[in-house]
Protein backbone atom coordinates (compact mmCIF):
# COMPACT_ATOMS: atom_id res chain seq x y z
CA UNK A 1 85.93 17.96 56.42
CA UNK A 2 86.23 17.48 53.13
CA UNK A 3 85.99 13.79 53.92
CA UNK A 4 82.20 14.19 55.18
CA UNK A 5 81.14 16.36 52.46
CA UNK A 6 82.34 13.53 49.85
CA UNK A 7 81.05 10.94 52.09
CA UNK A 8 77.56 12.84 52.18
CA UNK A 9 78.66 13.53 48.72
CA UNK A 10 78.50 10.16 47.36
CA UNK A 11 75.38 9.20 49.72
CA UNK A 12 73.10 11.55 47.72
CA UNK A 13 74.94 10.17 44.57
CA UNK A 14 73.60 7.04 44.55
CA UNK A 15 70.08 7.32 46.77
CA UNK A 16 69.61 10.07 43.76
CA UNK A 17 70.20 7.76 40.96
CA UNK A 18 69.24 4.91 42.25
CA UNK A 19 65.56 6.09 42.94
CA UNK A 20 66.07 7.17 38.55
CA UNK A 21 67.34 4.06 38.53
CA UNK A 22 64.09 2.73 40.29
CA UNK A 23 62.15 5.03 38.53
CA UNK A 24 63.21 4.00 35.10
CA UNK A 25 62.15 0.01 35.74
CA UNK A 26 58.80 0.85 37.22
CA UNK A 27 58.17 2.56 34.13
CA UNK A 28 60.01 -0.53 31.85
CA UNK A 29 57.62 -2.27 34.13
CA UNK A 30 54.21 -0.53 33.23
CA UNK A 31 55.57 -0.68 29.65
CA UNK A 32 55.76 -4.32 29.91
CA UNK A 33 52.45 -5.18 31.70
CA UNK A 34 49.88 -2.62 29.54
CA UNK A 35 52.18 -4.40 26.21
CA UNK A 36 51.25 -7.42 28.05
CA UNK A 37 47.88 -6.49 28.55
CA UNK A 38 47.99 -5.48 24.51
CA UNK A 39 48.35 -8.60 23.72
CA UNK A 40 45.84 -10.09 25.78
CA UNK A 41 43.10 -8.10 24.05
CA UNK A 42 44.57 -8.71 20.72
CA UNK A 43 43.68 -12.42 20.67
CA UNK A 44 41.21 -13.03 22.98
CA UNK A 45 39.00 -10.31 20.40
CA UNK A 46 40.98 -12.98 18.20
CA UNK A 47 39.26 -16.11 19.52
CA UNK A 48 35.99 -14.21 20.65
CA UNK A 49 34.17 -13.26 16.76
CA UNK A 50 36.75 -16.16 15.19
CA UNK A 51 33.61 -17.98 15.02
CA UNK A 52 31.29 -15.62 12.38
CA UNK A 53 34.41 -14.68 9.87
CA UNK A 54 33.80 -16.09 6.52
CA UNK A 55 36.10 -15.35 3.86
CA UNK A 56 37.23 -12.68 2.92
CA UNK A 57 35.51 -10.76 5.90
CA UNK A 58 38.00 -8.30 7.47
CA UNK A 59 36.20 -6.03 11.04
CA UNK A 60 35.78 -2.99 10.78
CA UNK A 61 38.49 -0.72 12.17
CA UNK A 62 37.97 1.31 15.25
CA UNK A 63 39.85 5.05 14.62
CA UNK A 64 40.31 5.52 18.11
CA UNK A 65 42.39 2.15 19.09
CA UNK A 66 45.77 2.49 19.99
CA UNK A 67 48.16 1.37 17.28
CA UNK A 68 51.86 0.42 16.63
CA UNK A 69 54.47 1.23 13.94
CA UNK A 70 55.31 -2.95 12.80
CA UNK A 71 57.88 -2.69 10.40
CA UNK A 72 57.90 -6.50 10.17
CA UNK A 73 56.58 -9.84 10.83
CA UNK A 74 57.10 -12.89 11.75
CA UNK A 75 54.85 -16.01 10.94
CA UNK A 76 56.28 -19.07 12.74
CA UNK A 77 54.85 -22.12 11.16
CA UNK A 78 56.53 -25.12 11.83
CA UNK A 79 54.31 -27.80 9.94
CA UNK A 80 55.02 -25.80 6.97
CA UNK A 81 51.21 -25.45 6.17
CA UNK A 82 51.94 -21.88 4.27
CA UNK A 83 54.66 -21.80 1.77
CA UNK A 84 56.59 -18.33 1.93
CA UNK A 85 54.33 -17.12 -1.27
CA UNK A 86 51.01 -17.40 0.17
CA UNK A 87 53.08 -16.16 3.64
CA UNK A 88 54.30 -12.85 1.41
CA UNK A 89 51.26 -12.02 0.02
CA UNK A 90 49.96 -11.82 3.36
CA UNK A 91 51.92 -10.09 5.32
CA UNK A 92 53.83 -7.65 2.86
CA UNK A 93 49.84 -5.71 3.36
CA UNK A 94 50.32 -4.53 6.47
CA UNK A 95 54.28 -4.34 7.17
CA UNK A 96 56.01 -1.49 7.24
CA UNK A 97 52.55 0.10 8.72
CA UNK A 98 51.11 1.34 12.24
CA UNK A 99 49.13 -1.71 12.99
CA UNK A 100 45.36 -1.47 15.72
CA UNK A 101 44.23 -4.63 17.98
CA UNK A 102 41.59 -4.83 14.92
CA UNK A 103 44.94 -4.95 12.10
CA UNK A 104 46.79 -7.62 13.89
CA UNK A 105 43.32 -9.50 14.17
CA UNK A 106 42.82 -9.21 10.82
CA UNK A 107 46.36 -10.81 9.71
CA UNK A 108 44.50 -13.66 12.02
CA UNK A 109 41.84 -14.23 9.47
CA UNK A 110 43.66 -14.23 6.76
CA UNK A 111 45.95 -16.36 8.02
CA UNK A 112 43.12 -18.96 9.29
CA UNK A 113 40.95 -17.97 6.70
CA UNK A 114 43.88 -19.92 3.21
CA UNK A 115 44.78 -22.45 6.53
CA UNK A 116 40.85 -23.69 5.93
CA UNK A 117 40.81 -22.77 1.81
CA UNK A 118 44.10 -25.66 1.32
CA UNK A 119 41.88 -28.05 3.90
CA UNK A 120 43.73 -27.71 7.81
CA UNK A 121 40.40 -26.85 9.39
CA UNK A 122 41.83 -27.49 12.54
CA UNK A 123 44.37 -25.46 12.32
CA UNK A 124 44.31 -21.49 12.85
CA UNK A 125 46.41 -18.43 13.43
CA UNK A 126 47.39 -17.32 16.44
CA UNK A 127 49.89 -14.08 18.12
CA UNK A 128 53.09 -15.66 20.12
CA UNK A 129 54.13 -15.46 23.32
CA UNK A 130 57.25 -13.49 22.47
CA UNK A 131 56.02 -10.26 21.41
CA UNK A 132 57.16 -6.29 22.62
CA UNK A 133 54.95 -3.88 20.21
CA UNK A 134 57.36 -1.31 20.49
CA UNK A 135 60.29 -3.35 19.13
CA UNK A 136 58.79 -2.29 15.14
CA UNK A 137 57.96 -6.31 15.49
CA UNK A 138 55.35 -8.58 15.34
CA UNK A 139 55.87 -12.20 16.08
CA UNK A 140 52.75 -15.03 14.59
CA UNK A 141 52.61 -18.86 14.55
CA UNK A 142 50.78 -21.22 13.46
CA UNK A 143 49.39 -24.09 15.93
CA UNK A 144 48.63 -27.05 13.48
CA UNK A 145 45.15 -29.04 14.31
CA UNK A 146 46.46 -32.78 14.78
CA UNK A 147 44.82 -35.69 14.95
CA UNK A 148 45.16 -38.07 18.35
CA UNK A 149 42.93 -40.92 17.33
CA UNK A 150 40.92 -42.32 14.29
CA UNK A 151 38.04 -45.33 15.68
CA UNK A 152 36.32 -46.72 13.08
CA UNK A 153 33.71 -48.83 14.35
CA UNK A 154 34.14 -50.62 17.19
CA UNK A 155 37.26 -50.22 16.41
CA UNK A 156 38.23 -54.63 16.55
CA UNK A 157 40.24 -55.73 14.34
CA UNK A 158 38.69 -56.22 11.63
CA UNK A 159 37.70 -52.67 11.76
CA UNK A 160 41.90 -51.98 12.25
CA UNK A 161 42.73 -53.71 9.10
CA UNK A 162 40.03 -51.58 6.78
CA UNK A 163 42.21 -48.86 8.22
CA UNK A 164 45.30 -49.74 7.20
CA UNK A 165 44.00 -50.23 4.03
CA UNK A 166 41.39 -47.45 3.75
CA UNK A 167 41.37 -44.22 6.04
CA UNK A 168 44.32 -41.63 3.57
CA UNK A 169 45.83 -39.82 7.08
CA UNK A 170 47.31 -40.80 10.40
CA UNK A 171 46.80 -40.83 14.31
CA UNK A 172 49.39 -37.39 14.83
CA UNK A 173 49.35 -35.43 11.26
CA UNK A 174 48.19 -32.50 10.82
CA UNK A 175 44.09 -32.54 9.76
CA UNK A 176 42.73 -31.73 6.32
CA UNK A 177 39.51 -32.19 5.60
CA UNK A 178 41.46 -32.88 1.80
CA UNK A 179 42.59 -36.61 3.04
CA UNK A 180 39.26 -37.96 4.92
CA UNK A 181 37.00 -36.90 1.76
CA UNK A 182 39.58 -39.14 0.23
CA UNK A 183 38.87 -41.73 2.35
CA UNK A 184 35.64 -41.62 2.28
CA UNK A 185 35.54 -42.25 -1.08
CA UNK A 186 37.85 -45.86 -0.73
CA UNK A 187 35.12 -46.80 1.49
CA UNK A 188 32.68 -46.05 -0.11
CA UNK A 189 33.94 -47.10 -3.59
CA UNK A 190 32.93 -49.97 -3.36
CA UNK A 191 28.70 -49.85 -3.39
CA UNK A 192 27.67 -51.71 -0.29
CA UNK A 193 29.70 -50.03 2.24
CA UNK A 194 27.83 -46.59 3.52
CA UNK A 195 30.61 -44.33 5.33
CA UNK A 196 29.91 -41.72 7.45
CA UNK A 197 32.64 -39.20 9.59
CA UNK A 198 32.41 -37.56 12.12
CA UNK A 199 35.87 -34.80 14.27
CA UNK A 200 35.67 -34.41 17.52
CA UNK A 201 37.13 -32.23 20.09
CA UNK A 202 39.64 -34.17 21.52
CA UNK A 203 39.74 -33.43 25.14
CA UNK A 204 43.72 -32.59 24.31
CA UNK A 205 45.22 -29.28 22.94
CA UNK A 206 44.89 -28.40 19.37
CA UNK A 207 43.48 -32.15 18.97
CA UNK A 208 40.58 -34.04 17.34
CA UNK A 209 38.99 -37.25 17.05
CA UNK A 210 38.07 -38.78 14.00
CA UNK A 211 34.96 -40.93 14.62
CA UNK A 212 33.70 -43.35 11.09
CA UNK A 213 31.11 -45.57 10.90
CA UNK A 214 30.63 -47.75 8.19
CA UNK A 215 27.74 -49.84 7.41
CA UNK A 216 26.69 -51.99 4.64
CA UNK A 217 23.91 -51.18 2.42
CA UNK A 218 20.99 -53.73 1.96
């Protein structure tokens, strides 16, 4: 009889533990889903409105939005487009505070504006994929806008030779408008040249095509 009672007790204990585990697992799943949705909402909010941002412009904070305490902000910058002082000046203002989607969007705006100021006009700041906002850590990244190809006129042999000597950047390099300005100066140094330039979005993600057109003046 004792064995039967013990067996029944063990069965109920296992079932009870299983139910508790399932409930906890369900709660964790719901929490992860909510965090993922919040992260997607922040990124979408930033992407939808970033074209209208101007230097030193911040989004008005919604007092009712969900906030998370963030003690540390990591910025992954594989190409080192921003130096440590630039990163610290921006990120330190937001650490050890409760941040909502508007605050995070403002961080991305400040970082992107700094990139633009340095000439990286096709690079941008974004949320990293691996974020758990309850961990008190926020992970951000710099998406480098690179050059897929540079086209000069018909891109024949003579054009390619001119590119070699006069173009101050190259394919696969991070696009910096200052390099393009130098290229324009190199071409227009000769008064007979009249060079114009166009930056065209590429089908390749985060890449651009530089289209140069040089005409000889009459």
